[in-house]
Amino acid sequence: MSIGSFHFKNQMFVCDSWPIFSVHFPNKPILPGFMQLLWVREVIENSTPARSIGSFSSVKFIKPITPSQTMMLYIQEKSNFVDFFISLLMTNTVEENIATKGSFFIRSKDP
């Protein structure tokens, strides 16, 4: 995957005190996939107010995201869909730290 056409959009620190970690999973906490996708959706919809996310066309969870890590969101916008990936802020390259990637359709919001 070439990240040349993607651009950085946002970052979030995964706080170890989030209540979700008490149930997902208590002895080995990982950030649930739905929380990652909610974050992606919120960032995209807040940055493009005239458009909204339709449906995800593909999502792949590659590496677990654990407490005390920083997620970095990168996107590539096309006419009717957006590709994205979440990379973890670590010492390796961005490509080596991809935790999640996918695509979703976007649509214009109704007036």
PDB file of N, CA and C in Angstrom:
ATOM      1  N   MET A   1       0.847  -1.182   0.000  1.00  0.00           N
ATOM      2  CA  MET A   1       0.000   0.000   0.000  1.00  0.00           C
ATOM      3  C   MET A   1       0.886   1.236   0.000  1.00  0.00           C
ATOM      4  N   SER A   2       0.673   2.109  -0.918  1.00  0.00           N
ATOM      5  CA  SER A   2       1.411   3.369  -0.971  1.00  0.00           C
ATOM      6  C   SER A   2       0.610   4.443  -0.242  1.00  0.00           C
ATOM      7  N   ILE A   3       1.252   5.132   0.682  1.00  0.00           N
ATOM      8  CA  ILE A   3       0.522   6.169   1.412  1.00  0.00           C
ATOM      9  C   ILE A   3       0.680   7.537   0.775  1.00  0.00           C
ATOM     10  N   GLY A   4       1.346   7.598  -0.368  1.00  0.00           N
ATOM     11  CA  GLY A   4       1.597   8.871  -1.026  1.00  0.00           C
ATOM     12  C   GLY A   4       0.359   9.683  -1.321  1.00  0.00           C
ATOM     13  N   SER A   5      -0.745   9.038  -1.658  1.00  0.00           N
ATOM     14  CA  SER A   5      -1.967   9.764  -2.006  1.00  0.00           C
ATOM     15  C   SER A   5      -2.898   9.962  -0.807  1.00  0.00           C
ATOM     16  N   PHE A   6      -2.523   9.445   0.349  1.00  0.00           N
ATOM     17  CA  PHE A   6      -3.303   9.636   1.570  1.00  0.00           C
ATOM     18  C   PHE A   6      -2.786  10.860   2.305  1.00  0.00           C
ATOM     19  N   HIS A   7      -3.650  11.508   3.059  1.00  0.00           N
ATOM     20  CA  HIS A   7      -3.178  12.615   3.882  1.00  0.00           C
ATOM     21  C   HIS A   7      -3.665  12.450   5.313  1.00  0.00           C
ATOM     22  N   PHE A   8      -2.835  12.948   6.226  1.00  0.00           N
ATOM     23  CA  PHE A   8      -3.133  12.849   7.649  1.00  0.00           C
ATOM     24  C   PHE A   8      -4.373  13.668   7.969  1.00  0.00           C
ATOM     25  N   LYS A   9      -5.278  13.112   8.769  1.00  0.00           N
ATOM     26  CA  LYS A   9      -6.525  13.789   9.087  1.00  0.00           C
ATOM     27  C   LYS A   9      -6.674  14.088  10.574  1.00  0.00           C
ATOM     28  N   ASN A  10      -6.289  13.164  11.440  1.00  0.00           N
ATOM     29  CA  ASN A  10      -6.530  13.354  12.865  1.00  0.00           C
ATOM     30  C   ASN A  10      -5.738  12.318  13.654  1.00  0.00           C
ATOM     31  N   GLN A  11      -5.625  12.558  14.962  1.00  0.00           N
ATOM     32  CA  GLN A  11      -5.021  11.563  15.834  1.00  0.00           C
ATOM     33  C   GLN A  11      -5.780  11.522  17.144  1.00  0.00           C
ATOM     34  N   MET A  12      -5.703  10.375  17.828  1.00  0.00           N
ATOM     35  CA  MET A  12      -6.367  10.216  19.114  1.00  0.00           C
ATOM     36  C   MET A  12      -5.527   9.306  19.993  1.00  0.00           C
ATOM     37  N   PHE A  13      -5.375   9.708  21.253  1.00  0.00           N
ATOM     38  CA  PHE A  13      -4.695   8.878  22.244  1.00  0.00           C
ATOM     39  C   PHE A  13      -5.710   7.919  22.836  1.00  0.00           C
ATOM     40  N   VAL A  14      -5.359   6.654  22.918  1.00  0.00           N
ATOM     41  CA  VAL A  14      -6.241   5.633  23.482  1.00  0.00           C
ATOM     42  C   VAL A  14      -5.963   5.566  24.980  1.00  0.00           C
ATOM     43  N   CYS A  15      -6.865   6.129  25.753  1.00  0.00           N
ATOM     44  CA  CYS A  15      -6.695   6.257  27.198  1.00  0.00           C
ATOM     45  C   CYS A  15      -6.990   4.932  27.908  1.00  0.00           C
ATOM     46  N   ASP A  16      -6.100   4.525  28.788  1.00  0.00           N
ATOM     47  CA  ASP A  16      -6.290   3.242  29.469  1.00  0.00           C
ATOM     48  C   ASP A  16      -7.428   3.248  30.483  1.00  0.00           C
ATOM     49  N   SER A  17      -7.987   4.402  30.799  1.00  0.00           N
ATOM     50  CA  SER A  17      -9.097   4.460  31.763  1.00  0.00           C
ATOM     51  C   SER A  17     -10.475   4.398  31.094  1.00  0.00           C
ATOM     52  N   TRP A  18     -10.531   4.243  29.781  1.00  0.00           N
ATOM     53  CA  TRP A  18     -11.833   4.145  29.109  1.00  0.00           C
ATOM     54  C   TRP A  18     -12.589   2.933  29.641  1.00  0.00           C
ATOM     55  N   PRO A  19     -13.865   3.103  29.996  1.00  0.00           N
ATOM     56  CA  PRO A  19     -14.650   1.998  30.574  1.00  0.00           C
ATOM     57  C   PRO A  19     -14.759   0.759  29.677  1.00  0.00           C
ATOM     58  N   ILE A  20     -14.676   0.928  28.380  1.00  0.00           N
ATOM     59  CA  ILE A  20     -14.818  -0.220  27.476  1.00  0.00           C
ATOM     60  C   ILE A  20     -13.776  -1.297  27.756  1.00  0.00           C
ATOM     61  N   PHE A  21     -12.602  -0.899  28.261  1.00  0.00           N
ATOM     62  CA  PHE A  21     -11.542  -1.872  28.494  1.00  0.00           C
ATOM     63  C   PHE A  21     -11.830  -2.817  29.660  1.00  0.00           C
ATOM     64  N   SER A  22     -12.791  -2.477  30.513  1.00  0.00           N
ATOM     65  CA  SER A  22     -13.143  -3.380  31.616  1.00  0.00           C
ATOM     66  C   SER A  22     -13.905  -4.610  31.115  1.00  0.00           C
ATOM     67  N   VAL A  23     -14.471  -4.528  29.907  1.00  0.00           N
ATOM     68  CA  VAL A  23     -15.206  -5.667  29.352  1.00  0.00           C
ATOM     69  C   VAL A  23     -14.619  -6.187  28.036  1.00  0.00           C
ATOM     70  N   HIS A  24     -13.723  -5.440  27.428  1.00  0.00           N
ATOM     71  CA  HIS A  24     -13.176  -5.826  26.114  1.00  0.00           C
ATOM     72  C   HIS A  24     -11.663  -5.747  26.134  1.00  0.00           C
ATOM     73  N   PHE A  25     -10.930  -6.473  26.574  1.00  0.00           N
ATOM     74  CA  PHE A  25     -11.113  -7.637  27.420  1.00  0.00           C
ATOM     75  C   PHE A  25     -10.374  -7.365  28.718  1.00  0.00           C
ATOM     76  N   PRO A  26     -10.912  -7.744  29.872  1.00  0.00           N
ATOM     77  CA  PRO A  26     -10.350  -7.312  31.156  1.00  0.00           C
ATOM     78  C   PRO A  26      -8.861  -7.610  31.342  1.00  0.00           C
ATOM     79  N   ASN A  27      -8.402  -8.775  30.925  1.00  0.00           N
ATOM     80  CA  ASN A  27      -6.996  -9.133  31.156  1.00  0.00           C
ATOM     81  C   ASN A  27      -6.080  -8.809  29.987  1.00  0.00           C
ATOM     82  N   LYS A  28      -6.663  -8.508  28.851  1.00  0.00           N
ATOM     83  CA  LYS A  28      -5.874  -8.149  27.661  1.00  0.00           C
ATOM     84  C   LYS A  28      -6.698  -7.161  26.842  1.00  0.00           C
ATOM     85  N   PRO A  29      -6.777  -5.902  27.288  1.00  0.00           N
ATOM     86  CA  PRO A  29      -7.666  -4.928  26.648  1.00  0.00           C
ATOM     87  C   PRO A  29      -7.243  -4.559  25.227  1.00  0.00           C
ATOM     88  N   ILE A  30      -8.248  -4.525  24.326  1.00  0.00           N
ATOM     89  CA  ILE A  30      -8.040  -4.021  22.970  1.00  0.00           C
ATOM     90  C   ILE A  30      -9.228  -3.131  22.609  1.00  0.00           C
ATOM     91  N   LEU A  31      -8.967  -2.141  21.782  1.00  0.00           N
ATOM     92  CA  LEU A  31     -10.012  -1.214  21.361  1.00  0.00           C
ATOM     93  C   LEU A  31     -10.943  -1.921  20.372  1.00  0.00           C
ATOM     94  N   PRO A  32     -12.245  -1.967  20.669  1.00  0.00           N
ATOM     95  CA  PRO A  32     -13.174  -2.631  19.750  1.00  0.00           C
ATOM     96  C   PRO A  32     -13.195  -1.958  18.375  1.00  0.00           C
ATOM     97  N   GLY A  33     -13.410  -2.769  17.360  1.00  0.00           N
ATOM     98  CA  GLY A  33     -13.462  -2.251  15.994  1.00  0.00           C
ATOM     99  C   GLY A  33     -14.535  -1.206  15.793  1.00  0.00           C
ATOM    100  N   PHE A  34     -15.691  -1.385  16.437  1.00  0.00           N
ATOM    101  CA  PHE A  34     -16.759  -0.404  16.230  1.00  0.00           C
ATOM    102  C   PHE A  34     -16.360   0.970  16.739  1.00  0.00           C
ATOM    103  N   MET A  35     -15.521   1.040  17.784  1.00  0.00           N
ATOM    104  CA  MET A  35     -15.085   2.351  18.281  1.00  0.00           C
ATOM    105  C   MET A  35     -14.122   3.017  17.291  1.00  0.00           C
ATOM    106  N   GLN A  36     -13.297   2.213  16.635  1.00  0.00           N
ATOM    107  CA  GLN A  36     -12.413   2.756  15.612  1.00  0.00           C
ATOM    108  C   GLN A  36     -13.228   3.339  14.462  1.00  0.00           C
ATOM    109  N   LEU A  37     -14.252   2.608  14.031  1.00  0.00           N
ATOM    110  CA  LEU A  37     -15.074   3.063  12.912  1.00  0.00           C
ATOM    111  C   LEU A  37     -15.919   4.275  13.279  1.00  0.00           C
ATOM    112  N   LEU A  38     -16.396   4.354  14.514  1.00  0.00           N
ATOM    113  CA  LEU A  38     -17.120   5.550  14.958  1.00  0.00           C
ATOM    114  C   LEU A  38     -16.222   6.777  14.905  1.00  0.00           C
ATOM    115  N   TRP A  39     -14.973   6.605  15.316  1.00  0.00           N
ATOM    116  CA  TRP A  39     -14.014   7.715  15.277  1.00  0.00           C
ATOM    117  C   TRP A  39     -13.776   8.159  13.834  1.00  0.00           C
ATOM    118  N   VAL A  40     -13.548   7.206  12.930  1.00  0.00           N
ATOM    119  CA  VAL A  40     -13.349   7.536  11.512  1.00  0.00           C
ATOM    120  C   VAL A  40     -14.562   8.309  10.988  1.00  0.00           C
ATOM    121  N   ARG A  41     -15.740   7.800  11.270  1.00  0.00           N
ATOM    122  CA  ARG A  41     -16.968   8.452  10.804  1.00  0.00           C
ATOM    123  C   ARG A  41     -17.085   9.879  11.336  1.00  0.00           C
ATOM    124  N   GLU A  42     -16.846  10.059  12.616  1.00  0.00           N
ATOM    125  CA  GLU A  42     -16.963  11.392  13.216  1.00  0.00           C
ATOM    126  C   GLU A  42     -15.978  12.371  12.590  1.00  0.00           C
ATOM    127  N   VAL A  43     -14.752  11.958  12.414  1.00  0.00           N
ATOM    128  CA  VAL A  43     -13.731  12.839  11.826  1.00  0.00           C
ATOM    129  C   VAL A  43     -14.121  13.236  10.408  1.00  0.00           C
ATOM    130  N   ILE A  44     -14.531  12.273   9.592  1.00  0.00           N
ATOM    131  CA  ILE A  44     -14.873  12.567   8.201  1.00  0.00           C
ATOM    132  C   ILE A  44     -16.105  13.453   8.123  1.00  0.00           C
ATOM    133  N   GLU A  45     -17.148  13.119   8.866  1.00  0.00           N
ATOM    134  CA  GLU A  45     -18.377  13.915   8.791  1.00  0.00           C
ATOM    135  C   GLU A  45     -18.182  15.327   9.342  1.00  0.00           C
ATOM    136  N   ASN A  46     -17.333  15.499  10.344  1.00  0.00           N
ATOM    137  CA  ASN A  46     -17.067  16.846  10.872  1.00  0.00           C
ATOM    138  C   ASN A  46     -16.211  17.680   9.925  1.00  0.00           C
ATOM    139  N   SER A  47     -15.395  17.024   9.108  1.00  0.00           N
ATOM    140  CA  SER A  47     -14.530  17.778   8.196  1.00  0.00           C
ATOM    141  C   SER A  47     -15.185  18.037   6.841  1.00  0.00           C
ATOM    142  N   THR A  48     -16.261  17.336   6.543  1.00  0.00           N
ATOM    143  CA  THR A  48     -16.988  17.551   5.291  1.00  0.00           C
ATOM    144  C   THR A  48     -18.480  17.648   5.612  1.00  0.00           C
ATOM    145  N   PRO A  49     -18.932  18.793   6.123  1.00  0.00           N
ATOM    146  CA  PRO A  49     -20.302  18.924   6.608  1.00  0.00           C
ATOM    147  C   PRO A  49     -21.384  18.679   5.565  1.00  0.00           C
ATOM    148  N   ALA A  50     -21.090  18.816   4.294  1.00  0.00           N
ATOM    149  CA  ALA A  50     -22.109  18.613   3.261  1.00  0.00           C
ATOM    150  C   ALA A  50     -22.235  17.137   2.869  1.00  0.00           C
ATOM    151  N   ARG A  51     -21.382  16.289   3.432  1.00  0.00           N
ATOM    152  CA  ARG A  51     -21.399  14.874   3.061  1.00  0.00           C
ATOM    153  C   ARG A  51     -21.514  14.012   4.315  1.00  0.00           C
ATOM    154  N   SER A  52     -22.024  12.808   4.134  1.00  0.00           N
ATOM    155  CA  SER A  52     -22.112  11.872   5.248  1.00  0.00           C
ATOM    156  C   SER A  52     -21.708  10.480   4.774  1.00  0.00           C
ATOM    157  N   ILE A  53     -21.354   9.649   5.730  1.00  0.00           N
ATOM    158  CA  ILE A  53     -20.952   8.290   5.409  1.00  0.00           C
ATOM    159  C   ILE A  53     -22.188   7.469   5.101  1.00  0.00           C
ATOM    160  N   GLY A  54     -22.143   6.762   3.990  1.00  0.00           N
ATOM    161  CA  GLY A  54     -23.227   5.863   3.633  1.00  0.00           C
ATOM    162  C   GLY A  54     -23.028   4.523   4.318  1.00  0.00           C
ATOM    163  N   SER A  55     -22.175   3.689   3.754  1.00  0.00           N
ATOM    164  CA  SER A  55     -21.892   2.385   4.346  1.00  0.00           C
ATOM    165  C   SER A  55     -20.434   2.042   4.083  1.00  0.00           C
ATOM    166  N   PHE A  56     -19.897   1.214   4.942  1.00  0.00           N
ATOM    167  CA  PHE A  56     -18.534   0.760   4.745  1.00  0.00           C
ATOM    168  C   PHE A  56     -18.549  -0.314   3.662  1.00  0.00           C
ATOM    169  N   SER A  57     -17.660  -0.206   2.701  1.00  0.00           N
ATOM    170  CA  SER A  57     -17.600  -1.220   1.655  1.00  0.00           C
ATOM    171  C   SER A  57     -16.596  -2.307   2.010  1.00  0.00           C
ATOM    172  N   SER A  58     -15.607  -1.969   2.826  1.00  0.00           N
ATOM    173  CA  SER A  58     -14.648  -2.973   3.298  1.00  0.00           C
ATOM    174  C   SER A  58     -13.930  -2.428   4.522  1.00  0.00           C
ATOM    175  N   VAL A  59     -13.623  -3.311   5.432  1.00  0.00           N
ATOM    176  CA  VAL A  59     -12.834  -2.966   6.618  1.00  0.00           C
ATOM    177  C   VAL A  59     -11.993  -4.176   6.959  1.00  0.00           C
ATOM    178  N   LYS A  60     -10.724  -3.928   7.269  1.00  0.00           N
ATOM    179  CA  LYS A  60      -9.839  -5.006   7.683  1.00  0.00           C
ATOM    180  C   LYS A  60      -9.113  -4.565   8.946  1.00  0.00           C
ATOM    181  N   PHE A  61      -9.260  -5.361   9.996  1.00  0.00           N
ATOM    182  CA  PHE A  61      -8.556  -5.105  11.250  1.00  0.00           C
ATOM    183  C   PHE A  61      -7.282  -5.943  11.232  1.00  0.00           C
ATOM    184  N   ILE A  62      -6.138  -5.273  11.236  1.00  0.00           N
ATOM    185  CA  ILE A  62      -4.857  -5.941  11.011  1.00  0.00           C
ATOM    186  C   ILE A  62      -4.095  -6.178  12.305  1.00  0.00           C
ATOM    187  N   LYS A  63      -4.045  -5.161  13.156  1.00  0.00           N
ATOM    188  CA  LYS A  63      -3.325  -5.244  14.429  1.00  0.00           C
ATOM    189  C   LYS A  63      -4.227  -4.732  15.537  1.00  0.00           C
ATOM    190  N   PRO A  64      -4.109  -5.319  16.725  1.00  0.00           N
ATOM    191  CA  PRO A  64      -4.909  -4.802  17.837  1.00  0.00           C
ATOM    192  C   PRO A  64      -4.408  -3.425  18.271  1.00  0.00           C
ATOM    193  N   ILE A  65      -5.344  -2.614  18.707  1.00  0.00           N
ATOM    194  CA  ILE A  65      -5.015  -1.304  19.288  1.00  0.00           C
ATOM    195  C   ILE A  65      -5.265  -1.419  20.774  1.00  0.00           C
ATOM    196  N   THR A  66      -4.242  -1.151  21.550  1.00  0.00           N
ATOM    197  CA  THR A  66      -4.304  -1.318  22.996  1.00  0.00           C
ATOM    198  C   THR A  66      -4.229   0.033  23.705  1.00  0.00           C
ATOM    199  N   PRO A  67      -4.565   0.040  24.994  1.00  0.00           N
ATOM    200  CA  PRO A  67      -4.483   1.306  25.737  1.00  0.00           C
ATOM    201  C   PRO A  67      -3.081   1.921  25.680  1.00  0.00           C
ATOM    202  N   SER A  68      -3.055   3.234  25.800  1.00  0.00           N
ATOM    203  CA  SER A  68      -1.825   4.033  25.819  1.00  0.00           C
ATOM    204  C   SER A  68      -1.115   4.099  24.472  1.00  0.00           C
ATOM    205  N   GLN A  69      -1.839   3.842  23.385  1.00  0.00           N
ATOM    206  CA  GLN A  69      -1.284   4.023  22.048  1.00  0.00           C
ATOM    207  C   GLN A  69      -1.959   5.233  21.406  1.00  0.00           C
ATOM    208  N   THR A  70      -1.303   5.814  20.430  1.00  0.00           N
ATOM    209  CA  THR A  70      -1.873   6.923  19.687  1.00  0.00           C
ATOM    210  C   THR A  70      -2.226   6.454  18.288  1.00  0.00           C
ATOM    211  N   MET A  71      -3.502   6.646  17.917  1.00  0.00           N
ATOM    212  CA  MET A  71      -3.976   6.289  16.583  1.00  0.00           C
ATOM    213  C   MET A  71      -3.846   7.502  15.675  1.00  0.00           C
ATOM    214  N   MET A  72      -3.409   7.269  14.449  1.00  0.00           N
ATOM    215  CA  MET A  72      -3.280   8.315  13.439  1.00  0.00           C
ATOM    216  C   MET A  72      -4.188   7.932  12.273  1.00  0.00           C
ATOM    217  N   LEU A  73      -5.103   8.835  11.887  1.00  0.00           N
ATOM    218  CA  LEU A  73      -6.043   8.558  10.805  1.00  0.00           C
ATOM    219  C   LEU A  73      -5.568   9.229   9.520  1.00  0.00           C
ATOM    220  N   TYR A  74      -5.496   8.459   8.444  1.00  0.00           N
ATOM    221  CA  TYR A  74      -5.138   8.950   7.117  1.00  0.00           C
ATOM    222  C   TYR A  74      -6.285   8.630   6.175  1.00  0.00           C
ATOM    223  N   ILE A  75      -6.590   9.554   5.271  1.00  0.00           N
ATOM    224  CA  ILE A  75      -7.680   9.319   4.321  1.00  0.00           C
ATOM    225  C   ILE A  75      -7.270   9.710   2.910  1.00  0.00           C
ATOM    226  N   GLN A  76      -8.002   9.152   1.969  1.00  0.00           N
ATOM    227  CA  GLN A  76      -7.876   9.499   0.552  1.00  0.00           C
ATOM    228  C   GLN A  76      -9.304   9.649   0.042  1.00  0.00           C
ATOM    229  N   GLU A  77      -9.681  10.871  -0.317  1.00  0.00           N
ATOM    230  CA  GLU A  77     -11.049  11.135  -0.757  1.00  0.00           C
ATOM    231  C   GLU A  77     -11.170  10.966  -2.263  1.00  0.00           C
ATOM    232  N   LYS A  78     -12.243  10.304  -2.664  1.00  0.00           N
ATOM    233  CA  LYS A  78     -12.587  10.148  -4.074  1.00  0.00           C
ATOM    234  C   LYS A  78     -13.970  10.771  -4.267  1.00  0.00           C
ATOM    235  N   SER A  79     -14.535  10.652  -5.439  1.00  0.00           N
ATOM    236  CA  SER A  79     -15.816  11.311  -5.713  1.00  0.00           C
ATOM    237  C   SER A  79     -16.952  10.770  -4.849  1.00  0.00           C
ATOM    238  N   ASN A  80     -17.059   9.461  -4.699  1.00  0.00           N
ATOM    239  CA  ASN A  80     -18.176   8.931  -3.919  1.00  0.00           C
ATOM    240  C   ASN A  80     -17.755   7.941  -2.835  1.00  0.00           C
ATOM    241  N   PHE A  81     -16.464   7.873  -2.538  1.00  0.00           N
ATOM    242  CA  PHE A  81     -16.025   7.034  -1.430  1.00  0.00           C
ATOM    243  C   PHE A  81     -14.718   7.575  -0.863  1.00  0.00           C
ATOM    244  N   VAL A  82     -14.387   7.076   0.316  1.00  0.00           N
ATOM    245  CA  VAL A  82     -13.153   7.458   0.999  1.00  0.00           C
ATOM    246  C   VAL A  82     -12.436   6.191   1.432  1.00  0.00           C
ATOM    247  N   ASP A  83     -11.165   6.107   1.119  1.00  0.00           N
ATOM    248  CA  ASP A  83     -10.311   5.050   1.663  1.00  0.00           C
ATOM    249  C   ASP A  83      -9.661   5.621   2.919  1.00  0.00           C
ATOM    250  N   PHE A  84      -9.431   4.770   3.892  1.00  0.00           N
ATOM    251  CA  PHE A  84      -8.793   5.240   5.120  1.00  0.00           C
ATOM    252  C   PHE A  84      -7.894   4.152   5.687  1.00  0.00           C
ATOM    253  N   PHE A  85      -6.974   4.570   6.535  1.00  0.00           N
ATOM    254  CA  PHE A  85      -6.274   3.619   7.375  1.00  0.00           C
ATOM    255  C   PHE A  85      -5.908   4.289   8.682  1.00  0.00           C
ATOM    256  N   ILE A  86      -5.816   3.470   9.708  1.00  0.00           N
ATOM    257  CA  ILE A  86      -5.397   3.915  11.036  1.00  0.00           C
ATOM    258  C   ILE A  86      -4.031   3.302  11.273  1.00  0.00           C
ATOM    259  N   SER A  87      -3.065   4.149  11.549  1.00  0.00           N
ATOM    260  CA  SER A  87      -1.718   3.702  11.856  1.00  0.00           C
ATOM    261  C   SER A  87      -1.432   4.053  13.310  1.00  0.00           C
ATOM    262  N   LEU A  88      -0.614   3.245  13.953  1.00  0.00           N
ATOM    263  CA  LEU A  88      -0.240   3.525  15.333  1.00  0.00           C
ATOM    264  C   LEU A  88       1.047   4.334  15.348  1.00  0.00           C
ATOM    265  N   LEU A  89       1.107   5.314  16.218  1.00  0.00           N
ATOM    266  CA  LEU A  89       2.286   6.164  16.334  1.00  0.00           C
ATOM    267  C   LEU A  89       3.361   5.385  17.086  1.00  0.00           C
ATOM    268  N   MET A  90       4.338   4.911  16.339  1.00  0.00           N
ATOM    269  CA  MET A  90       5.429   4.117  16.903  1.00  0.00           C
ATOM    270  C   MET A  90       6.708   4.498  16.178  1.00  0.00           C
ATOM    271  N   THR A  91       7.760   3.748  16.438  1.00  0.00           N
ATOM    272  CA  THR A  91       9.052   4.101  15.842  1.00  0.00           C
ATOM    273  C   THR A  91       9.224   3.585  14.422  1.00  0.00           C
ATOM    274  N   ASN A  92       8.429   2.622  13.987  1.00  0.00           N
ATOM    275  CA  ASN A  92       8.548   2.091  12.628  1.00  0.00           C
ATOM    276  C   ASN A  92       7.910   3.061  11.636  1.00  0.00           C
ATOM    277  N   THR A  93       7.873   2.673  10.369  1.00  0.00           N
ATOM    278  CA  THR A  93       7.244   3.507   9.359  1.00  0.00           C
ATOM    279  C   THR A  93       5.725   3.434   9.491  1.00  0.00           C
ATOM    280  N   VAL A  94       5.038   4.384   8.896  1.00  0.00           N
ATOM    281  CA  VAL A  94       3.573   4.417   8.934  1.00  0.00           C
ATOM    282  C   VAL A  94       3.001   3.115   8.379  1.00  0.00           C
ATOM    283  N   GLU A  95       3.538   2.642   7.254  1.00  0.00           N
ATOM    284  CA  GLU A  95       3.021   1.420   6.631  1.00  0.00           C
ATOM    285  C   GLU A  95       3.146   0.211   7.537  1.00  0.00           C
ATOM    286  N   GLU A  96       4.226   0.117   8.314  1.00  0.00           N
ATOM    287  CA  GLU A  96       4.446  -1.036   9.191  1.00  0.00           C
ATOM    288  C   GLU A  96       3.537  -1.022  10.412  1.00  0.00           C
ATOM    289  N   ASN A  97       2.928   0.105  10.704  1.00  0.00           N
ATOM    290  CA  ASN A  97       2.091   0.224  11.896  1.00  0.00           C
ATOM    291  C   ASN A  97       0.605   0.323  11.600  1.00  0.00           C
ATOM    292  N   ILE A  98       0.191  -0.035  10.391  1.00  0.00           N
ATOM    293  CA  ILE A  98      -1.234   0.030  10.059  1.00  0.00           C
ATOM    294  C   ILE A  98      -1.986  -1.000  10.887  1.00  0.00           C
ATOM    295  N   ALA A  99      -3.005  -0.514  11.602  1.00  0.00           N
ATOM    296  CA  ALA A  99      -3.821  -1.382  12.451  1.00  0.00           C
ATOM    297  C   ALA A  99      -5.152  -1.706  11.794  1.00  0.00           C
ATOM    298  N   THR A 100      -5.712  -0.761  11.055  1.00  0.00           N
ATOM    299  CA  THR A 100      -7.027  -0.916  10.446  1.00  0.00           C
ATOM    300  C   THR A 100      -7.032  -0.189   9.112  1.00  0.00           C
ATOM    301  N   LYS A 101      -7.730  -0.752   8.119  1.00  0.00           N
ATOM    302  CA  LYS A 101      -7.878  -0.042   6.851  1.00  0.00           C
ATOM    303  C   LYS A 101      -9.222  -0.405   6.243  1.00  0.00           C
ATOM    304  N   GLY A 102      -9.703   0.467   5.369  1.00  0.00           N
ATOM    305  CA  GLY A 102     -10.985   0.184   4.751  1.00  0.00           C
ATOM    306  C   GLY A 102     -11.429   1.276   3.806  1.00  0.00           C
ATOM    307  N   SER A 103     -12.665   1.133   3.333  1.00  0.00           N
ATOM    308  CA  SER A 103     -13.300   2.096   2.435  1.00  0.00           C
ATOM    309  C   SER A 103     -14.753   2.240   2.836  1.00  0.00           C
ATOM    310  N   PHE A 104     -15.285   3.403   2.581  1.00  0.00           N
ATOM    311  CA  PHE A 104     -16.714   3.589   2.781  1.00  0.00           C
ATOM    312  C   PHE A 104     -17.247   4.553   1.752  1.00  0.00           C
ATOM    313  N   PHE A 105     -18.533   4.368   1.453  1.00  0.00           N
ATOM    314  CA  PHE A 105     -19.202   5.242   0.499  1.00  0.00           C
ATOM    315  C   PHE A 105     -19.642   6.517   1.223  1.00  0.00           C
ATOM    316  N   ILE A 106     -19.609   7.630   0.505  1.00  0.00           N
ATOM    317  CA  ILE A 106     -20.087   8.887   1.067  1.00  0.00           C
ATOM    318  C   ILE A 106     -21.172   9.442   0.149  1.00  0.00           C
ATOM    319  N   ARG A 107     -22.031  10.226   0.718  1.00  0.00           N
ATOM    320  CA  ARG A 107     -23.131  10.807  -0.042  1.00  0.00           C
ATOM    321  C   ARG A 107     -23.350  12.237   0.419  1.00  0.00           C
ATOM    322  N   SER A 108     -24.004  13.011  -0.407  1.00  0.00           N
ATOM    323  CA  SER A 108     -24.369  14.377  -0.027  1.00  0.00           C
ATOM    324  C   SER A 108     -25.502  14.308   0.985  1.00  0.00           C
ATOM    325  N   LYS A 109     -25.438  15.201   1.955  1.00  0.00           N
ATOM    326  CA  LYS A 109     -26.518  15.262   2.937  1.00  0.00           C
ATOM    327  C   LYS A 109     -27.727  15.914   2.317  1.00  0.00           C
ATOM    328  N   ASP A 110     -28.890  15.422   2.668  1.00  0.00           N
ATOM    329  CA  ASP A 110     -30.136  16.032   2.175  1.00  0.00           C
ATOM    330  C   ASP A 110     -30.312  17.384   2.817  1.00  0.00           C
ATOM    331  N   PRO A 111     -30.813  18.367   2.038  1.00  0.00           N
ATOM    332  CA  PRO A 111     -31.004  19.722   2.604  1.00  0.00           C
ATOM    333  C   PRO A 111     -32.095  19.756   3.652  1.00  0.00           C
TER     334      PRO A 111
END
